[in-house]
Amino acid sequence: MAHPTASSPSQRQLRDFGLLLGFVFPILLGWLLPALHGHPFRGWTLWIGIPALVLGLGWPRALAWPYRGWMALGHALGWVNSHLILGLVYLLVLQPIAAVMRILGHDPLRRRRIPRESYREPPSPTPTDMRKIF
């Protein structure tokens, strides 16, 4: 299913995209990141920022295709990042915890079969004061 902002961006979304691209792109990629590494201002970022700013203020519909491309790129990168991060969390956090618990004999779901006459678990004691049940 397509994301609604990627298929039909509004005038306001396109204007915001033009302003964001016009201001943030030259400031972030042209000045801030190079300054952190000791490099001079990168003027080529103005060749992208100024037209985006002018189009965003004057004719936002002209930014519809760049906006759709930007949203598609962001959607694809978000999908990859979320799957990669969730996979790494599973492999590097949850699996080692499960292995340690299994080695130590801890069974939080009580799946191990215990030879008893009945498998019924008695309920925990009910609270005596119903105003503070937890």
N, C-alpha and C. Protein backbone atom coordinates (compact mmCIF):
# COMPACT_ATOMS: atom_id res chain seq x y z
N MET A 1 0.84 -1.18 0.00
CA MET A 1 0.00 0.00 0.00
C MET A 1 0.88 1.24 0.00
N ALA A 2 0.57 2.16 -0.86
CA ALA A 2 1.37 3.38 -0.97
C ALA A 2 1.04 4.32 0.18
N HIS A 3 2.04 5.03 0.61
CA HIS A 3 1.85 6.01 1.67
C HIS A 3 1.10 7.21 1.08
N PRO A 4 0.08 7.75 1.76
CA PRO A 4 -0.71 8.82 1.16
C PRO A 4 0.08 10.08 0.84
N THR A 5 1.10 10.40 1.62
CA THR A 5 1.87 11.61 1.32
C THR A 5 2.77 11.41 0.11
N ALA A 6 3.14 10.16 -0.19
CA ALA A 6 4.01 9.91 -1.33
C ALA A 6 3.21 9.96 -2.64
N SER A 7 1.91 9.65 -2.60
CA SER A 7 1.15 9.60 -3.83
C SER A 7 0.48 10.93 -4.16
N SER A 8 0.06 11.69 -3.17
CA SER A 8 -0.63 12.95 -3.44
C SER A 8 -0.23 14.01 -2.42
N PRO A 9 0.93 14.61 -2.59
CA PRO A 9 1.35 15.63 -1.63
C PRO A 9 0.52 16.91 -1.78
N SER A 10 0.22 17.54 -0.67
CA SER A 10 -0.54 18.79 -0.70
C SER A 10 0.39 19.97 -0.99
N GLN A 11 -0.23 21.12 -1.25
CA GLN A 11 0.56 22.34 -1.49
C GLN A 11 1.43 22.66 -0.28
N ARG A 12 0.87 22.50 0.91
CA ARG A 12 1.63 22.82 2.12
C ARG A 12 2.82 21.87 2.29
N GLN A 13 2.61 20.58 2.01
CA GLN A 13 3.71 19.63 2.12
C GLN A 13 4.82 19.96 1.13
N LEU A 14 4.43 20.32 -0.08
CA LEU A 14 5.43 20.66 -1.10
C LEU A 14 6.16 21.95 -0.74
N ARG A 15 5.42 22.92 -0.20
CA ARG A 15 6.06 24.18 0.22
C ARG A 15 7.03 23.91 1.37
N ASP A 16 6.60 23.10 2.35
CA ASP A 16 7.48 22.76 3.46
C ASP A 16 8.72 22.01 2.98
N PHE A 17 8.53 21.12 2.01
CA PHE A 17 9.65 20.38 1.44
C PHE A 17 10.64 21.33 0.76
N GLY A 18 10.12 22.31 -0.01
CA GLY A 18 10.98 23.28 -0.67
C GLY A 18 11.74 24.14 0.33
N LEU A 19 11.06 24.58 1.39
CA LEU A 19 11.72 25.39 2.41
C LEU A 19 12.76 24.58 3.16
N LEU A 20 12.41 23.36 3.49
CA LEU A 20 13.36 22.49 4.20
C LEU A 20 14.59 22.22 3.34
N LEU A 21 14.36 21.88 2.09
CA LEU A 21 15.48 21.61 1.19
C LEU A 21 16.28 22.89 0.93
N GLY A 22 15.60 24.02 0.86
CA GLY A 22 16.28 25.28 0.58
C GLY A 22 17.13 25.78 1.73
N PHE A 23 16.70 25.54 2.96
CA PHE A 23 17.46 26.03 4.11
C PHE A 23 18.36 24.97 4.73
N VAL A 24 17.81 23.80 4.98
CA VAL A 24 18.56 22.78 5.73
C VAL A 24 19.67 22.16 4.89
N PHE A 25 19.43 21.92 3.62
CA PHE A 25 20.43 21.27 2.78
C PHE A 25 21.72 22.07 2.70
N PRO A 26 21.68 23.37 2.37
CA PRO A 26 22.95 24.12 2.34
C PRO A 26 23.57 24.31 3.73
N ILE A 27 22.73 24.50 4.74
CA ILE A 27 23.29 24.71 6.08
C ILE A 27 23.93 23.43 6.60
N LEU A 28 23.23 22.32 6.47
CA LEU A 28 23.74 21.06 7.02
C LEU A 28 24.87 20.48 6.18
N LEU A 29 24.62 20.30 4.88
CA LEU A 29 25.63 19.66 4.03
C LEU A 29 26.66 20.63 3.47
N GLY A 30 26.32 21.90 3.43
CA GLY A 30 27.26 22.86 2.87
C GLY A 30 28.14 23.54 3.90
N TRP A 31 27.61 23.72 5.11
CA TRP A 31 28.38 24.45 6.11
C TRP A 31 28.71 23.62 7.34
N LEU A 32 27.71 23.02 8.00
CA LEU A 32 27.93 22.39 9.30
C LEU A 32 28.82 21.14 9.22
N LEU A 33 28.47 20.19 8.38
CA LEU A 33 29.28 18.97 8.28
C LEU A 33 30.70 19.24 7.79
N PRO A 34 30.90 20.06 6.75
CA PRO A 34 32.29 20.37 6.38
C PRO A 34 33.05 21.11 7.47
N ALA A 35 32.38 22.01 8.21
CA ALA A 35 33.06 22.75 9.28
C ALA A 35 33.50 21.82 10.39
N LEU A 36 32.73 20.79 10.66
CA LEU A 36 33.12 19.82 11.69
C LEU A 36 34.39 19.06 11.32
N HIS A 37 34.62 18.91 10.03
CA HIS A 37 35.80 18.20 9.55
C HIS A 37 36.90 19.14 9.08
N GLY A 38 36.72 20.44 9.28
CA GLY A 38 37.75 21.40 8.93
C GLY A 38 37.80 21.77 7.46
N HIS A 39 36.70 21.59 6.73
CA HIS A 39 36.66 21.93 5.31
C HIS A 39 35.90 23.24 5.11
N PRO A 40 36.11 23.92 3.98
CA PRO A 40 35.37 25.17 3.72
C PRO A 40 33.93 24.88 3.29
N PHE A 41 33.15 25.95 3.17
CA PHE A 41 31.76 25.86 2.73
C PHE A 41 31.69 25.24 1.34
N ARG A 42 30.73 24.37 1.14
CA ARG A 42 30.54 23.73 -0.17
C ARG A 42 29.45 24.48 -0.92
N GLY A 43 29.88 25.25 -1.90
CA GLY A 43 28.96 26.11 -2.63
C GLY A 43 27.97 25.38 -3.51
N TRP A 44 28.28 24.17 -3.92
CA TRP A 44 27.37 23.45 -4.80
C TRP A 44 26.03 23.16 -4.12
N THR A 45 26.00 23.19 -2.79
CA THR A 45 24.73 22.95 -2.11
C THR A 45 23.74 24.08 -2.36
N LEU A 46 24.26 25.27 -2.67
CA LEU A 46 23.37 26.39 -2.99
C LEU A 46 22.67 26.18 -4.34
N TRP A 47 23.29 25.43 -5.25
CA TRP A 47 22.68 25.14 -6.54
C TRP A 47 21.45 24.24 -6.39
N ILE A 48 21.36 23.56 -5.29
CA ILE A 48 20.17 22.75 -5.00
C ILE A 48 19.23 23.52 -4.07
N GLY A 49 19.79 24.20 -3.09
CA GLY A 49 18.99 24.87 -2.08
C GLY A 49 18.21 26.06 -2.58
N ILE A 50 18.85 26.94 -3.35
CA ILE A 50 18.17 28.16 -3.81
C ILE A 50 17.02 27.86 -4.76
N PRO A 51 17.20 27.00 -5.80
CA PRO A 51 16.04 26.68 -6.64
C PRO A 51 14.92 25.99 -5.86
N ALA A 52 15.26 25.13 -4.91
CA ALA A 52 14.22 24.49 -4.12
C ALA A 52 13.47 25.51 -3.28
N LEU A 53 14.18 26.47 -2.74
CA LEU A 53 13.55 27.52 -1.94
C LEU A 53 12.63 28.39 -2.80
N VAL A 54 13.11 28.79 -3.97
CA VAL A 54 12.31 29.63 -4.86
C VAL A 54 11.08 28.88 -5.35
N LEU A 55 11.26 27.62 -5.75
CA LEU A 55 10.11 26.83 -6.20
C LEU A 55 9.14 26.55 -5.06
N GLY A 56 9.67 26.31 -3.87
CA GLY A 56 8.80 26.05 -2.73
C GLY A 56 7.94 27.25 -2.39
N LEU A 57 8.48 28.45 -2.54
CA LEU A 57 7.71 29.66 -2.24
C LEU A 57 6.80 30.07 -3.40
N GLY A 58 7.29 29.92 -4.64
CA GLY A 58 6.54 30.42 -5.79
C GLY A 58 5.67 29.41 -6.49
N TRP A 59 6.16 28.21 -6.68
CA TRP A 59 5.44 27.20 -7.46
C TRP A 59 5.68 25.83 -6.84
N PRO A 60 5.03 25.52 -5.73
CA PRO A 60 5.29 24.26 -5.01
C PRO A 60 5.00 23.00 -5.83
N ARG A 61 4.06 23.08 -6.77
CA ARG A 61 3.72 21.89 -7.57
C ARG A 61 4.91 21.39 -8.38
N ALA A 62 5.87 22.25 -8.65
CA ALA A 62 7.06 21.83 -9.41
C ALA A 62 7.92 20.88 -8.61
N LEU A 63 7.73 20.84 -7.29
CA LEU A 63 8.52 19.95 -6.44
C LEU A 63 7.82 18.62 -6.17
N ALA A 64 6.74 18.33 -6.90
CA ALA A 64 5.99 17.10 -6.64
C ALA A 64 6.83 15.85 -6.92
N TRP A 65 7.52 15.81 -8.05
CA TRP A 65 8.31 14.61 -8.37
C TRP A 65 9.55 14.47 -7.49
N PRO A 66 10.29 15.54 -7.23
CA PRO A 66 11.39 15.38 -6.27
C PRO A 66 10.89 14.95 -4.89
N TYR A 67 9.73 15.46 -4.47
CA TYR A 67 9.16 15.07 -3.18
C TYR A 67 8.82 13.58 -3.17
N ARG A 68 8.18 13.11 -4.24
CA ARG A 68 7.84 11.68 -4.32
C ARG A 68 9.09 10.80 -4.30
N GLY A 69 10.11 11.23 -5.03
CA GLY A 69 11.37 10.47 -5.01
C GLY A 69 12.01 10.46 -3.64
N TRP A 70 11.99 11.61 -2.97
CA TRP A 70 12.56 11.72 -1.62
C TRP A 70 11.80 10.83 -0.64
N MET A 71 10.47 10.82 -0.74
CA MET A 71 9.65 9.99 0.15
C MET A 71 9.86 8.50 -0.15
N ALA A 72 10.01 8.14 -1.42
CA ALA A 72 10.26 6.74 -1.76
C ALA A 72 11.61 6.30 -1.22
N LEU A 73 12.62 7.15 -1.36
CA LEU A 73 13.94 6.84 -0.81
C LEU A 73 13.87 6.70 0.71
N GLY A 74 13.19 7.62 1.37
CA GLY A 74 13.05 7.55 2.82
C GLY A 74 12.30 6.32 3.27
N HIS A 75 11.27 5.94 2.53
CA HIS A 75 10.51 4.74 2.87
C HIS A 75 11.38 3.49 2.73
N ALA A 76 12.14 3.41 1.65
CA ALA A 76 13.01 2.24 1.44
C ALA A 76 14.10 2.18 2.50
N LEU A 77 14.73 3.31 2.80
CA LEU A 77 15.78 3.32 3.83
C LEU A 77 15.21 3.00 5.20
N GLY A 78 14.01 3.48 5.49
CA GLY A 78 13.36 3.16 6.77
C GLY A 78 13.06 1.69 6.89
N TRP A 79 12.61 1.07 5.80
CA TRP A 79 12.31 -0.36 5.84
C TRP A 79 13.59 -1.16 6.10
N VAL A 80 14.65 -0.82 5.38
CA VAL A 80 15.92 -1.53 5.56
C VAL A 80 16.45 -1.32 6.98
N ASN A 81 16.44 -0.08 7.45
CA ASN A 81 16.95 0.20 8.79
C ASN A 81 16.16 -0.51 9.86
N SER A 82 14.84 -0.49 9.77
CA SER A 82 14.05 -1.13 10.82
C SER A 82 14.28 -2.63 10.82
N HIS A 83 14.34 -3.25 9.66
CA HIS A 83 14.57 -4.69 9.63
C HIS A 83 15.99 -5.04 10.09
N LEU A 84 16.94 -4.23 9.69
CA LEU A 84 18.32 -4.47 10.11
C LEU A 84 18.46 -4.30 11.62
N ILE A 85 17.92 -3.21 12.15
CA ILE A 85 18.04 -2.95 13.59
C ILE A 85 17.30 -4.01 14.39
N LEU A 86 16.09 -4.36 13.98
CA LEU A 86 15.34 -5.38 14.71
C LEU A 86 16.04 -6.74 14.63
N GLY A 87 16.62 -7.06 13.49
CA GLY A 87 17.36 -8.31 13.37
C GLY A 87 18.58 -8.33 14.27
N LEU A 88 19.31 -7.22 14.31
CA LEU A 88 20.49 -7.15 15.18
C LEU A 88 20.11 -7.22 16.66
N VAL A 89 19.03 -6.55 17.04
CA VAL A 89 18.58 -6.63 18.44
C VAL A 89 18.21 -8.06 18.78
N TYR A 90 17.52 -8.74 17.87
CA TYR A 90 17.15 -10.12 18.13
C TYR A 90 18.39 -11.00 18.29
N LEU A 91 19.35 -10.85 17.36
CA LEU A 91 20.52 -11.72 17.40
C LEU A 91 21.50 -11.37 18.51
N LEU A 92 21.67 -10.08 18.80
CA LEU A 92 22.70 -9.67 19.75
C LEU A 92 22.19 -9.47 21.17
N VAL A 93 20.87 -9.35 21.36
CA VAL A 93 20.33 -9.13 22.71
C VAL A 93 19.46 -10.30 23.15
N LEU A 94 18.42 -10.59 22.38
CA LEU A 94 17.44 -11.58 22.82
C LEU A 94 17.98 -13.01 22.78
N GLN A 95 18.70 -13.36 21.74
CA GLN A 95 19.23 -14.72 21.65
C GLN A 95 20.22 -15.04 22.76
N PRO A 96 21.18 -14.16 23.08
CA PRO A 96 22.08 -14.47 24.20
C PRO A 96 21.35 -14.58 25.53
N ILE A 97 20.35 -13.73 25.76
CA ILE A 97 19.58 -13.83 27.00
C ILE A 97 18.87 -15.17 27.07
N ALA A 98 18.26 -15.58 25.96
CA ALA A 98 17.56 -16.86 25.93
C ALA A 98 18.53 -18.01 26.14
N ALA A 99 19.71 -17.93 25.56
CA ALA A 99 20.69 -19.01 25.73
C ALA A 99 21.14 -19.11 27.18
N VAL A 100 21.40 -17.98 27.82
CA VAL A 100 21.81 -18.00 29.23
C VAL A 100 20.69 -18.55 30.10
N MET A 101 19.47 -18.13 29.85
CA MET A 101 18.34 -18.63 30.64
C MET A 101 18.17 -20.13 30.45
N ARG A 102 18.35 -20.61 29.23
CA ARG A 102 18.20 -22.04 28.99
C ARG A 102 19.31 -22.84 29.67
N ILE A 103 20.54 -22.30 29.63
CA ILE A 103 21.66 -22.98 30.28
C ILE A 103 21.45 -23.05 31.78
N LEU A 104 20.92 -21.97 32.37
CA LEU A 104 20.69 -21.93 33.82
C LEU A 104 19.42 -22.65 34.24
N GLY A 105 18.65 -23.14 33.28
CA GLY A 105 17.45 -23.91 33.60
C GLY A 105 16.23 -23.08 33.93
N HIS A 106 16.23 -21.81 33.59
CA HIS A 106 15.08 -20.94 33.88
C HIS A 106 14.03 -21.15 32.80
N ASP A 107 12.78 -21.36 33.20
CA ASP A 107 11.69 -21.62 32.27
C ASP A 107 10.54 -20.66 32.57
N PRO A 108 10.59 -19.41 32.08
CA PRO A 108 9.57 -18.43 32.46
C PRO A 108 8.17 -18.76 31.94
N LEU A 109 8.05 -19.51 30.86
CA LEU A 109 6.74 -19.87 30.34
C LEU A 109 6.23 -21.19 30.91
N ARG A 110 7.02 -21.81 31.74
CA ARG A 110 6.69 -23.10 32.37
C ARG A 110 6.27 -24.13 31.32
N ARG A 111 7.11 -24.29 30.31
CA ARG A 111 6.83 -25.25 29.25
C ARG A 111 7.34 -26.64 29.59
N ARG A 112 8.24 -26.73 30.56
CA ARG A 112 8.80 -28.01 30.93
C ARG A 112 7.72 -28.85 31.62
N ARG A 113 7.66 -30.09 31.28
CA ARG A 113 6.66 -30.98 31.85
C ARG A 113 7.12 -31.45 33.22
N ILE A 114 6.29 -31.22 34.21
CA ILE A 114 6.59 -31.64 35.57
C ILE A 114 5.64 -32.78 35.92
N PRO A 115 6.19 -33.94 36.31
CA PRO A 115 5.31 -35.08 36.60
C PRO A 115 4.49 -34.83 37.88
N ARG A 116 3.24 -34.48 37.69
CA ARG A 116 2.30 -34.28 38.79
C ARG A 116 0.98 -34.94 38.41
N GLU A 117 0.12 -35.01 39.40
CA GLU A 117 -1.19 -35.60 39.13
C GLU A 117 -2.04 -34.64 38.30
N SER A 118 -1.92 -33.34 38.53
CA SER A 118 -2.70 -32.35 37.81
C SER A 118 -1.78 -31.20 37.39
N TYR A 119 -2.09 -30.64 36.25
CA TYR A 119 -1.31 -29.50 35.77
C TYR A 119 -1.94 -28.16 36.14
N ARG A 120 -3.00 -28.22 36.90
CA ARG A 120 -3.68 -26.99 37.30
C ARG A 120 -2.78 -26.18 38.22
N GLU A 121 -2.68 -24.89 37.91
CA GLU A 121 -1.91 -23.97 38.75
C GLU A 121 -2.89 -23.27 39.68
N PRO A 122 -2.64 -23.29 40.97
CA PRO A 122 -3.56 -22.57 41.87
C PRO A 122 -3.42 -21.06 41.64
N PRO A 123 -4.53 -20.33 41.71
CA PRO A 123 -4.45 -18.88 41.48
C PRO A 123 -3.69 -18.19 42.61
N SER A 124 -3.11 -17.07 42.26
CA SER A 124 -2.40 -16.31 43.29
C SER A 124 -3.43 -15.72 44.26
N PRO A 125 -3.03 -15.41 45.46
CA PRO A 125 -4.00 -14.92 46.44
C PRO A 125 -4.65 -13.62 45.98
N THR A 126 -5.95 -13.52 46.20
CA THR A 126 -6.67 -12.32 45.80
C THR A 126 -6.40 -11.21 46.81
N PRO A 127 -6.40 -9.98 46.37
CA PRO A 127 -6.15 -8.89 47.31
C PRO A 127 -7.30 -8.73 48.30
N THR A 128 -6.98 -8.33 49.50
CA THR A 128 -8.01 -8.17 50.52
C THR A 128 -8.69 -6.81 50.40
N ASP A 129 -7.99 -5.82 49.92
CA ASP A 129 -8.55 -4.48 49.78
C ASP A 129 -8.72 -4.20 48.28
N MET A 130 -9.96 -4.07 47.82
CA MET A 130 -10.21 -3.89 46.39
C MET A 130 -9.89 -2.47 45.90
N ARG A 131 -9.58 -1.55 46.79
CA ARG A 131 -9.21 -0.20 46.36
C ARG A 131 -7.75 -0.17 45.90
N LYS A 132 -6.94 -1.05 46.42
CA LYS A 132 -5.53 -1.14 46.02
C LYS A 132 -5.26 -2.58 45.59
N ILE A 133 -5.61 -2.88 44.36
CA ILE A 133 -5.50 -4.27 43.93
C ILE A 133 -4.12 -4.62 43.40
N PHE A 134 -3.26 -3.64 43.17
CA PHE A 134 -1.93 -3.95 42.65
C PHE A 134 -0.88 -3.61 43.65
